[in-house]
Amino acid sequence: MFFIREVFCSLGRRKGFCALTIAASGLLFGFLGFYMGNFKDNQQTLEKLGRTIPIPVKITNANGSEDIGLEISAAHMDALAEGGVKDLVCTAQAGANRDPSLDEARIYECDTSVRAANSLEAFAGLEEREFDFQQGYDSGYLSGKEPYCTISASYGRLYGILAGDTLELSVYQMRYTGDSGSFQFLFTGRTSLKVIGTYDKKEGEMQDVLVPVSWLRAYTQEQGKNFYYDSARAVLEDGFTLNAFKESMDRSFFSEVDRDVIGGKRGSALSVQDQIFIETAEKIQGNLELYRRFQAPFFLLIYGVSVLLPLLLLRNRKKEAAIALSLGRSRFLTGLELFAENLLLGITGCVPMFVLLICIFQIPAGDLLSILGIFIGCFSLGTCTALGFFLHFDVMELLVKMD
């Protein structure tokens, strides 16, 4: 208790010393807080970058000129879906006829256009509010595997089909015969679909019937036929898996987009729009490298100032320390008192700067507490080094000089 009172009494007699130490420690802590705060902020930004900057991927033809109306094999689609992507949107197309007498015949046109998708997002401009569903159903049916469908209102009026009816269709695959875009209809089978709602078809849109793509794939494969999607796009789940993703896609026989080749209709190339992510990541990594490069010199600077400041401010107290030592006080207690004074002033200088860093620079309090611990460590080590030099004198010699 006496020791603590002695420390405060000593500080009370040296207001100039106190003010200088508080100001210097506050500035040092402010610089350290700003430096470390920016360093951690860049680290956190880099860690979140893979989720905050989307990296769109889509399957295209060989030269990237087309990304819809393709023939994408089921194997390619499965590889993409299992490659670490999210928000996958895929579609397929088919033709259909209501008349069963044409089954397995060579046909050149169909009276019904069928579009399959796994999400309503596949259809630009078509929104949930434009559908009139039966009670208990919504656009989520597209993500399922049930033989449900919605039909355009005009198609329903033309053939007298209402929600709740069963739609009988002969389904045909649309297979391209070359790179020109010409195709033929290949019979898949006769099926029944439950009509669960209608929608308003926009002018220029071709689809009469919308079905779940998972159902169409399962049905086609059950008939012993290969299934093909006609478009697919997604977003990489984590940007930092970009290299691993590209390697896995290479192993799945996806090619890179090559602008110098003929495009064709085969969907076997993968377009990865990663330029913005890579440029941003490289910029942040460059900032972090710069911070790391100056980290050691910065801590050395704080340590050096923590050594120099006490040496300059305490040099007039050597006589006081010599008298205390001559009266029997140990060097340890003398140094401990001076250390306690300096540390108390250092912490006092940090308090207002702590508040400023939170309010102005929005540095989280938890991060600042860690930075404060680092500062106190450097400050204490510097003070101990300074006191080691300060107390290294011969008491008798100094007292004689005083006389």
Protein backbone atom coordinates (compact mmCIF):
# COMPACT_ATOMS: atom_id res chain seq x y z
CA MET A 1 0.00 0.00 0.00
CA PHE A 2 2.86 2.35 0.87
CA PHE A 3 4.53 1.50 -2.45
CA ILE A 4 1.41 2.46 -4.45
CA ARG A 5 1.01 5.71 -2.51
CA GLU A 6 4.66 6.53 -3.11
CA VAL A 7 4.21 5.99 -6.86
CA PHE A 8 1.24 8.39 -7.03
CA CYS A 9 2.99 10.99 -4.85
CA SER A 10 6.01 10.88 -7.14
CA LEU A 11 3.80 11.35 -10.20
CA GLY A 12 2.00 14.26 -8.54
CA ARG A 13 5.29 16.13 -8.16
CA ARG A 14 6.20 15.75 -11.86
CA LYS A 15 3.33 17.01 -13.95
CA GLY A 16 5.51 17.82 -16.99
CA PHE A 17 7.06 14.36 -16.96
CA CYS A 18 3.58 12.83 -16.70
CA ALA A 19 2.15 14.89 -19.56
CA LEU A 20 5.03 14.07 -21.91
CA THR A 21 4.90 10.34 -21.16
CA ILE A 22 1.11 10.18 -21.50
CA ALA A 23 1.18 12.06 -24.81
CA ALA A 24 4.04 10.00 -26.21
CA SER A 25 2.52 6.65 -25.21
CA GLY A 26 -0.88 7.71 -26.58
CA LEU A 27 0.63 8.62 -29.95
CA LEU A 28 2.63 5.39 -30.08
CA PHE A 29 -0.44 3.32 -29.26
CA GLY A 30 -2.46 5.26 -31.84
CA PHE A 31 0.09 4.52 -34.57
CA LEU A 32 0.25 0.87 -33.56
CA GLY A 33 -3.55 0.60 -33.43
CA PHE A 34 -3.94 2.19 -36.85
CA TYR A 35 -1.20 -0.03 -38.31
CA MET A 36 -2.41 -3.31 -36.80
CA GLY A 37 -6.05 -2.39 -37.36
CA ASN A 38 -5.44 -1.94 -41.09
CA PHE A 39 -3.41 -5.15 -41.18
CA LYS A 40 -6.20 -7.18 -39.56
CA ASP A 41 -8.84 -5.46 -41.66
CA ASN A 42 -7.00 -6.49 -44.83
CA GLN A 43 -6.66 -10.03 -43.48
CA GLN A 44 -10.38 -10.26 -42.74
CA THR A 45 -11.27 -8.75 -46.10
CA LEU A 46 -9.08 -11.32 -47.85
CA GLU A 47 -10.65 -14.17 -45.85
CA LYS A 48 -14.16 -13.00 -46.78
CA LEU A 49 -13.28 -12.20 -50.37
CA GLY A 50 -14.04 -15.69 -51.62
CA ARG A 51 -17.63 -15.28 -50.46
CA THR A 52 -18.19 -11.56 -51.11
CA ILE A 53 -16.98 -11.34 -54.71
CA PRO A 54 -18.94 -13.85 -56.79
CA ILE A 55 -17.12 -15.84 -59.43
CA PRO A 56 -19.72 -16.78 -62.07
CA VAL A 57 -19.10 -19.94 -64.08
CA LYS A 58 -21.07 -21.17 -67.05
CA ILE A 59 -20.86 -23.92 -69.61
CA THR A 60 -20.40 -22.67 -73.17
CA ASN A 61 -19.53 -24.00 -76.58
CA ALA A 62 -15.88 -24.30 -77.60
CA ASN A 63 -15.27 -20.61 -78.39
CA GLY A 64 -17.62 -19.17 -75.77
CA SER A 65 -19.95 -17.59 -78.32
CA GLU A 66 -23.02 -19.43 -77.02
CA ASP A 67 -24.16 -20.45 -73.55
CA ILE A 68 -27.75 -21.52 -74.27
CA GLY A 69 -29.22 -23.98 -76.73
CA LEU A 70 -26.28 -26.37 -76.29
CA GLU A 71 -25.85 -30.10 -75.82
CA ILE A 72 -24.35 -30.54 -72.35
CA SER A 73 -23.86 -34.11 -71.26
CA ALA A 74 -25.18 -35.30 -67.90
CA ALA A 75 -21.60 -36.20 -66.90
CA HIS A 76 -20.41 -32.63 -67.49
CA MET A 77 -23.35 -31.27 -65.52
CA ASP A 78 -22.71 -33.62 -62.60
CA ALA A 79 -19.04 -32.61 -62.54
CA LEU A 80 -20.00 -28.94 -62.35
CA ALA A 81 -22.66 -29.52 -59.67
CA GLU A 82 -20.20 -31.47 -57.50
CA GLY A 83 -17.28 -29.11 -58.07
CA GLY A 84 -18.00 -26.69 -55.21
CA VAL A 85 -20.55 -24.33 -56.73
CA LYS A 86 -23.75 -22.74 -55.50
CA ASP A 87 -26.83 -21.13 -57.10
CA LEU A 88 -26.72 -23.67 -59.91
CA VAL A 89 -29.25 -22.90 -62.64
CA CYS A 90 -29.66 -25.39 -65.48
CA THR A 91 -32.16 -25.96 -68.26
CA ALA A 92 -33.05 -28.47 -70.93
CA GLN A 93 -35.40 -28.43 -73.88
CA ALA A 94 -37.64 -30.94 -75.59
CA GLY A 95 -40.46 -31.17 -78.08
CA ALA A 96 -43.79 -32.90 -77.51
CA ASN A 97 -46.96 -33.88 -79.31
CA ARG A 98 -50.39 -34.40 -77.84
CA ASP A 99 -51.31 -36.87 -80.60
CA PRO A 100 -50.01 -40.40 -79.75
CA SER A 101 -50.36 -41.61 -83.34
CA LEU A 102 -47.05 -39.96 -84.23
CA ASP A 103 -45.05 -41.90 -81.64
CA GLU A 104 -41.72 -43.16 -82.97
CA ALA A 105 -42.48 -41.74 -86.41
CA ARG A 106 -40.00 -39.42 -88.11
CA ILE A 107 -41.42 -36.00 -87.37
CA TYR A 108 -40.26 -32.53 -88.32
CA GLU A 109 -42.23 -30.39 -85.89
CA CYS A 110 -44.04 -30.63 -82.57
CA ASP A 111 -47.20 -28.94 -81.37
CA THR A 112 -45.83 -28.40 -77.86
CA SER A 113 -42.53 -26.87 -76.73
CA VAL A 114 -41.19 -28.14 -73.41
CA ARG A 115 -38.67 -26.35 -71.23
CA ALA A 116 -37.12 -27.91 -68.17
CA ALA A 117 -35.30 -26.07 -65.39
CA ASN A 118 -34.32 -26.47 -61.78
CA SER A 119 -35.27 -22.92 -60.82
CA LEU A 120 -37.49 -20.09 -61.95
CA GLU A 121 -34.31 -18.00 -62.25
CA ALA A 122 -33.62 -19.82 -65.50
CA PHE A 123 -36.34 -17.77 -67.22
CA ALA A 124 -35.56 -14.08 -67.57
CA GLY A 125 -38.59 -11.91 -66.97
CA LEU A 126 -40.76 -14.74 -65.63
CA GLU A 127 -41.67 -14.15 -61.99
CA GLU A 128 -43.65 -15.98 -59.34
CA ARG A 129 -46.48 -13.43 -59.45
CA GLU A 130 -47.15 -14.29 -63.09
CA PHE A 131 -48.15 -17.85 -62.15
CA ASP A 132 -51.55 -19.03 -61.04
CA PHE A 133 -50.80 -22.16 -59.00
CA GLN A 134 -53.18 -24.64 -57.47
CA GLN A 135 -53.31 -24.37 -53.69
CA GLY A 136 -50.28 -25.96 -52.09
CA TYR A 137 -47.95 -25.51 -55.05
CA ASP A 138 -45.39 -22.89 -56.04
CA SER A 139 -42.40 -22.50 -58.34
CA GLY A 140 -40.38 -24.73 -56.04
CA TYR A 141 -41.76 -27.69 -57.98
CA LEU A 142 -39.01 -27.05 -60.55
CA SER A 143 -36.35 -28.17 -58.07
CA GLY A 144 -38.13 -31.49 -57.49
CA LYS A 145 -38.45 -34.75 -59.42
CA GLU A 146 -42.22 -35.15 -59.57
CA PRO A 147 -44.07 -35.29 -62.96
CA TYR A 148 -45.62 -31.86 -62.45
CA CYS A 149 -45.86 -29.08 -64.99
CA THR A 150 -47.19 -25.60 -65.52
CA ILE A 151 -48.56 -24.51 -68.88
CA SER A 152 -48.87 -21.14 -70.55
CA ALA A 153 -52.36 -19.66 -70.29
CA SER A 154 -52.59 -19.38 -74.09
CA TYR A 155 -51.66 -23.07 -74.50
CA GLY A 156 -54.32 -24.00 -71.93
CA ARG A 157 -56.99 -21.98 -73.71
CA LEU A 158 -56.03 -23.45 -77.09
CA TYR A 159 -56.45 -27.06 -75.96
CA GLY A 160 -58.92 -26.58 -73.14
CA ILE A 161 -56.48 -27.61 -70.40
CA LEU A 162 -56.99 -26.40 -66.83
CA ALA A 163 -54.94 -26.56 -63.63
CA GLY A 164 -55.53 -29.95 -62.03
CA ASP A 165 -55.85 -31.78 -65.36
CA THR A 166 -53.50 -34.50 -66.54
CA LEU A 167 -51.52 -33.68 -69.68
CA GLU A 168 -50.64 -36.62 -71.93
CA LEU A 169 -47.61 -35.97 -74.14
CA SER A 170 -45.26 -37.82 -76.45
CA VAL A 171 -41.83 -36.40 -75.60
CA TYR A 172 -39.03 -35.94 -78.15
CA GLN A 173 -35.42 -35.05 -77.61
CA MET A 174 -34.06 -32.19 -79.68
CA ARG A 175 -30.65 -33.35 -80.96
CA TYR A 176 -28.43 -31.12 -83.08
CA THR A 177 -27.26 -32.59 -86.37
CA GLY A 178 -24.34 -30.22 -86.85
CA ASP A 179 -22.82 -26.92 -85.84
CA SER A 180 -25.31 -24.90 -87.88
CA GLY A 181 -28.08 -25.21 -85.33
CA SER A 182 -30.27 -27.63 -87.27
CA PHE A 183 -31.76 -30.40 -85.15
CA GLN A 184 -33.99 -33.43 -85.29
CA PHE A 185 -36.63 -34.83 -82.96
CA LEU A 186 -35.87 -38.23 -81.42
CA PHE A 187 -38.76 -40.02 -79.71
CA THR A 188 -38.28 -40.56 -75.98
CA GLY A 189 -41.62 -41.88 -74.78
CA ARG A 190 -45.23 -41.21 -73.85
CA THR A 191 -45.80 -39.69 -70.42
CA SER A 192 -48.41 -38.08 -68.18
CA LEU A 193 -47.92 -34.79 -66.35
CA LYS A 194 -50.07 -33.21 -63.69
CA VAL A 195 -50.86 -29.58 -64.48
CA ILE A 196 -50.43 -27.62 -61.23
CA GLY A 197 -50.77 -24.10 -62.60
CA THR A 198 -50.65 -21.69 -65.51
CA TYR A 199 -48.52 -18.67 -66.34
CA ASP A 200 -48.61 -15.74 -68.72
CA LYS A 201 -46.23 -16.36 -71.60
CA LYS A 202 -44.44 -13.27 -72.85
CA GLU A 203 -44.44 -12.37 -76.51
CA GLY A 204 -41.64 -14.13 -78.35
CA GLU A 205 -41.23 -16.88 -75.72
CA MET A 206 -41.43 -20.42 -77.05
CA GLN A 207 -42.14 -22.60 -74.04
CA ASP A 208 -45.64 -24.02 -73.67
CA VAL A 209 -44.91 -26.39 -70.82
CA LEU A 210 -42.47 -26.02 -67.91
CA VAL A 211 -41.25 -29.17 -66.14
CA PRO A 212 -38.59 -29.97 -63.51
CA VAL A 213 -35.29 -30.73 -65.20
CA SER A 214 -34.55 -33.53 -62.72
CA TRP A 215 -37.78 -35.24 -63.72
CA LEU A 216 -37.06 -34.89 -67.44
CA ARG A 217 -33.56 -36.30 -66.97
CA ALA A 218 -34.78 -39.26 -64.93
CA TYR A 219 -37.58 -39.99 -67.39
CA THR A 220 -35.23 -39.80 -70.40
CA GLN A 221 -32.66 -42.09 -68.80
CA GLU A 222 -35.38 -44.55 -67.76
CA GLN A 223 -36.20 -44.88 -71.46
CA GLY A 224 -32.57 -45.86 -72.08
CA LYS A 225 -31.63 -42.57 -73.74
CA ASN A 226 -28.79 -40.14 -73.04
CA PHE A 227 -29.92 -36.88 -71.52
CA TYR A 228 -28.56 -33.46 -72.46
CA TYR A 229 -28.93 -30.08 -70.78
CA ASP A 230 -28.98 -26.97 -72.93
CA SER A 231 -27.58 -24.39 -70.46
CA ALA A 232 -25.91 -24.26 -67.07
CA ARG A 233 -24.53 -21.51 -64.89
CA ALA A 234 -23.48 -21.23 -61.25
CA VAL A 235 -21.35 -19.28 -58.80
CA LEU A 236 -18.21 -20.64 -57.18
CA GLU A 237 -18.93 -21.28 -53.51
CA ASP A 238 -15.54 -20.10 -52.26
CA GLY A 239 -13.19 -18.06 -54.42
CA PHE A 240 -10.14 -19.47 -52.65
CA THR A 241 -10.92 -22.89 -54.10
CA LEU A 242 -10.58 -21.43 -57.60
CA ASN A 243 -7.40 -23.32 -58.52
CA ALA A 244 -8.71 -26.60 -57.12
CA PHE A 245 -11.99 -26.04 -58.96
CA LYS A 246 -10.22 -25.48 -62.27
CA GLU A 247 -8.11 -28.60 -61.76
CA SER A 248 -11.18 -30.70 -61.03
CA MET A 249 -12.93 -29.32 -64.12
CA ASP A 250 -9.89 -30.22 -66.24
CA ARG A 251 -10.10 -33.77 -64.92
CA SER A 252 -13.79 -33.79 -65.89
CA PHE A 253 -12.81 -33.05 -69.51
CA PHE A 254 -13.97 -29.46 -69.60
CA SER A 255 -11.91 -27.37 -71.99
CA GLU A 256 -11.02 -23.70 -71.73
CA VAL A 257 -12.77 -21.23 -73.99
CA ASP A 258 -10.75 -20.76 -77.17
CA ARG A 259 -11.88 -17.80 -79.29
CA ASP A 260 -9.96 -19.06 -82.32
CA VAL A 261 -11.92 -22.28 -82.88
CA ILE A 262 -15.37 -23.01 -84.30
CA GLY A 263 -18.00 -22.79 -81.58
CA GLY A 264 -20.38 -25.60 -82.42
CA LYS A 265 -23.27 -26.77 -80.27
CA ARG A 266 -21.45 -29.06 -77.85
CA GLY A 267 -21.36 -27.62 -74.34
CA SER A 268 -17.94 -28.77 -73.20
CA ALA A 269 -16.09 -25.54 -72.39
CA LEU A 270 -16.20 -23.72 -69.08
CA SER A 271 -16.14 -19.95 -68.77
CA VAL A 272 -14.91 -18.76 -65.36
CA GLN A 273 -15.28 -15.02 -64.80
CA ASP A 274 -12.57 -14.65 -62.18
CA GLN A 275 -10.71 -11.51 -63.30
CA ILE A 276 -12.26 -9.15 -60.72
CA PHE A 277 -11.67 -11.62 -57.90
CA ILE A 278 -8.05 -12.26 -58.87
CA GLU A 279 -7.23 -8.56 -59.28
CA THR A 280 -8.84 -7.69 -55.93
CA ALA A 281 -7.14 -10.60 -54.13
CA GLU A 282 -3.74 -9.67 -55.57
CA LYS A 283 -4.19 -6.06 -54.47
CA ILE A 284 -5.10 -7.05 -50.91
CA GLN A 285 -2.28 -9.60 -50.75
CA GLY A 286 0.11 -6.87 -51.90
CA ASN A 287 -1.09 -4.63 -49.07
CA LEU A 288 -0.64 -7.45 -46.55
CA GLU A 289 2.86 -8.16 -47.82
CA LEU A 290 3.74 -4.48 -47.40
CA TYR A 291 2.40 -4.50 -43.85
CA ARG A 292 4.36 -7.68 -43.05
CA ARG A 293 7.53 -6.22 -44.50
CA PHE A 294 7.35 -3.20 -42.19
CA GLN A 295 6.07 -5.09 -39.16
CA ALA A 296 9.47 -5.81 -37.59
CA PRO A 297 10.82 -2.26 -38.15
CA PHE A 298 7.59 -0.84 -36.72
CA PHE A 299 7.84 -2.87 -33.53
CA LEU A 300 11.53 -1.97 -33.26
CA LEU A 301 10.55 1.70 -33.56
CA ILE A 302 8.07 1.38 -30.68
CA TYR A 303 10.65 -0.47 -28.62
CA GLY A 304 13.31 2.15 -29.42
CA VAL A 305 11.04 5.07 -28.45
CA SER A 306 10.05 3.18 -25.28
CA VAL A 307 13.75 2.97 -24.40
CA LEU A 308 14.70 6.51 -25.40
CA LEU A 309 11.77 8.30 -23.76
CA PRO A 310 12.45 7.13 -20.15
CA LEU A 311 16.19 7.70 -20.59
CA LEU A 312 15.57 11.33 -21.55
CA LEU A 313 12.87 12.03 -18.98
CA LEU A 314 14.47 10.21 -16.05
CA ARG A 315 18.02 11.48 -16.36
CA ASN A 316 17.35 14.29 -13.85
CA ARG A 317 16.27 11.72 -11.28
CA LYS A 318 19.63 9.98 -10.96
CA LYS A 319 20.49 12.01 -7.88
CA GLU A 320 17.18 11.08 -6.30
CA ALA A 321 17.81 7.40 -7.08
CA ALA A 322 21.39 7.62 -5.69
CA ILE A 323 20.15 9.09 -2.40
CA ALA A 324 17.49 6.36 -2.10
CA LEU A 325 20.10 3.68 -2.73
CA SER A 326 22.49 5.22 -0.18
CA LEU A 327 19.71 5.08 2.43
CA GLY A 328 19.48 1.32 1.94
CA ARG A 329 16.80 0.94 -0.67
CA SER A 330 17.50 -1.83 -3.17
CA ARG A 331 18.00 -1.18 -6.85
CA PHE A 332 15.15 -3.57 -7.56
CA LEU A 333 12.60 -1.54 -5.55
CA THR A 334 13.90 1.71 -6.98
CA GLY A 335 13.60 0.37 -10.52
CA LEU A 336 10.20 -1.16 -9.75
CA GLU A 337 8.85 2.20 -8.60
CA LEU A 338 10.11 3.92 -11.74
CA PHE A 339 8.74 1.10 -13.90
CA ALA A 340 5.32 1.32 -12.21
CA GLU A 341 5.24 5.10 -12.76
CA ASN A 342 6.12 4.78 -16.44
CA LEU A 343 3.71 1.88 -17.05
CA LEU A 344 0.84 3.68 -15.32
CA LEU A 345 1.42 6.76 -17.46
CA GLY A 346 1.69 4.63 -20.59
CA ILE A 347 -1.65 2.92 -19.93
CA THR A 348 -3.25 6.29 -19.12
CA GLY A 349 -2.15 7.61 -22.51
CA CYS A 350 -3.68 4.56 -24.23
CA VAL A 351 -7.18 5.03 -22.77
CA PRO A 352 -8.30 8.09 -24.78
CA MET A 353 -6.60 6.74 -27.90
CA PHE A 354 -8.43 3.42 -27.40
CA VAL A 355 -11.76 5.27 -27.53
CA LEU A 356 -10.70 7.34 -30.57
CA LEU A 357 -9.64 4.24 -32.53
CA ILE A 358 -13.03 2.63 -31.88
CA CYS A 359 -15.08 5.73 -32.72
CA ILE A 360 -13.13 7.14 -35.67
CA PHE A 361 -11.50 4.12 -37.31
CA GLN A 362 -14.18 1.59 -36.32
CA ILE A 363 -11.61 -0.92 -35.07
CA PRO A 364 -13.35 -3.66 -33.03
CA ALA A 365 -12.73 -3.48 -29.27
CA GLY A 366 -11.58 -7.13 -29.21
CA ASP A 367 -8.88 -6.43 -31.78
CA LEU A 368 -7.81 -3.30 -29.92
CA LEU A 369 -7.42 -5.23 -26.68
CA SER A 370 -5.01 -7.57 -28.47
CA ILE A 371 -3.14 -4.57 -29.89
CA LEU A 372 -3.05 -2.98 -26.43
CA GLY A 373 -1.46 -6.14 -25.06
CA ILE A 374 1.22 -5.99 -27.77
CA PHE A 375 1.87 -2.31 -27.05
CA ILE A 376 2.15 -2.83 -23.29
CA GLY A 377 4.57 -5.68 -23.93
CA CYS A 378 6.81 -3.52 -26.16
CA PHE A 379 6.47 -0.53 -23.86
CA SER A 380 7.34 -2.58 -20.77
CA LEU A 381 10.34 -4.17 -22.45
CA GLY A 382 11.59 -0.77 -23.56
CA THR A 383 11.09 0.68 -20.08
CA CYS A 384 13.00 -2.24 -18.50
CA THR A 385 15.87 -1.73 -20.96
CA ALA A 386 15.95 2.00 -20.20
CA LEU A 387 15.92 1.39 -16.44
CA GLY A 388 18.76 -1.11 -16.84
CA PHE A 389 20.88 1.69 -18.33
CA PHE A 390 19.52 4.29 -15.91
CA LEU A 391 20.37 2.36 -12.73
CA HIS A 392 23.78 1.26 -13.92
CA PHE A 393 25.86 3.76 -11.94
CA ASP A 394 28.17 3.84 -8.91
CA VAL A 395 26.29 5.34 -5.96
CA MET A 396 29.35 6.68 -4.09
CA GLU A 397 30.83 8.21 -7.19
CA LEU A 398 27.61 10.00 -8.00
CA LEU A 399 27.18 11.24 -4.42
CA VAL A 400 30.71 12.59 -4.36
CA LYS A 401 30.06 14.51 -7.56
CA MET A 402 26.94 15.93 -5.96
CA ASP A 403 28.99 17.24 -3.03
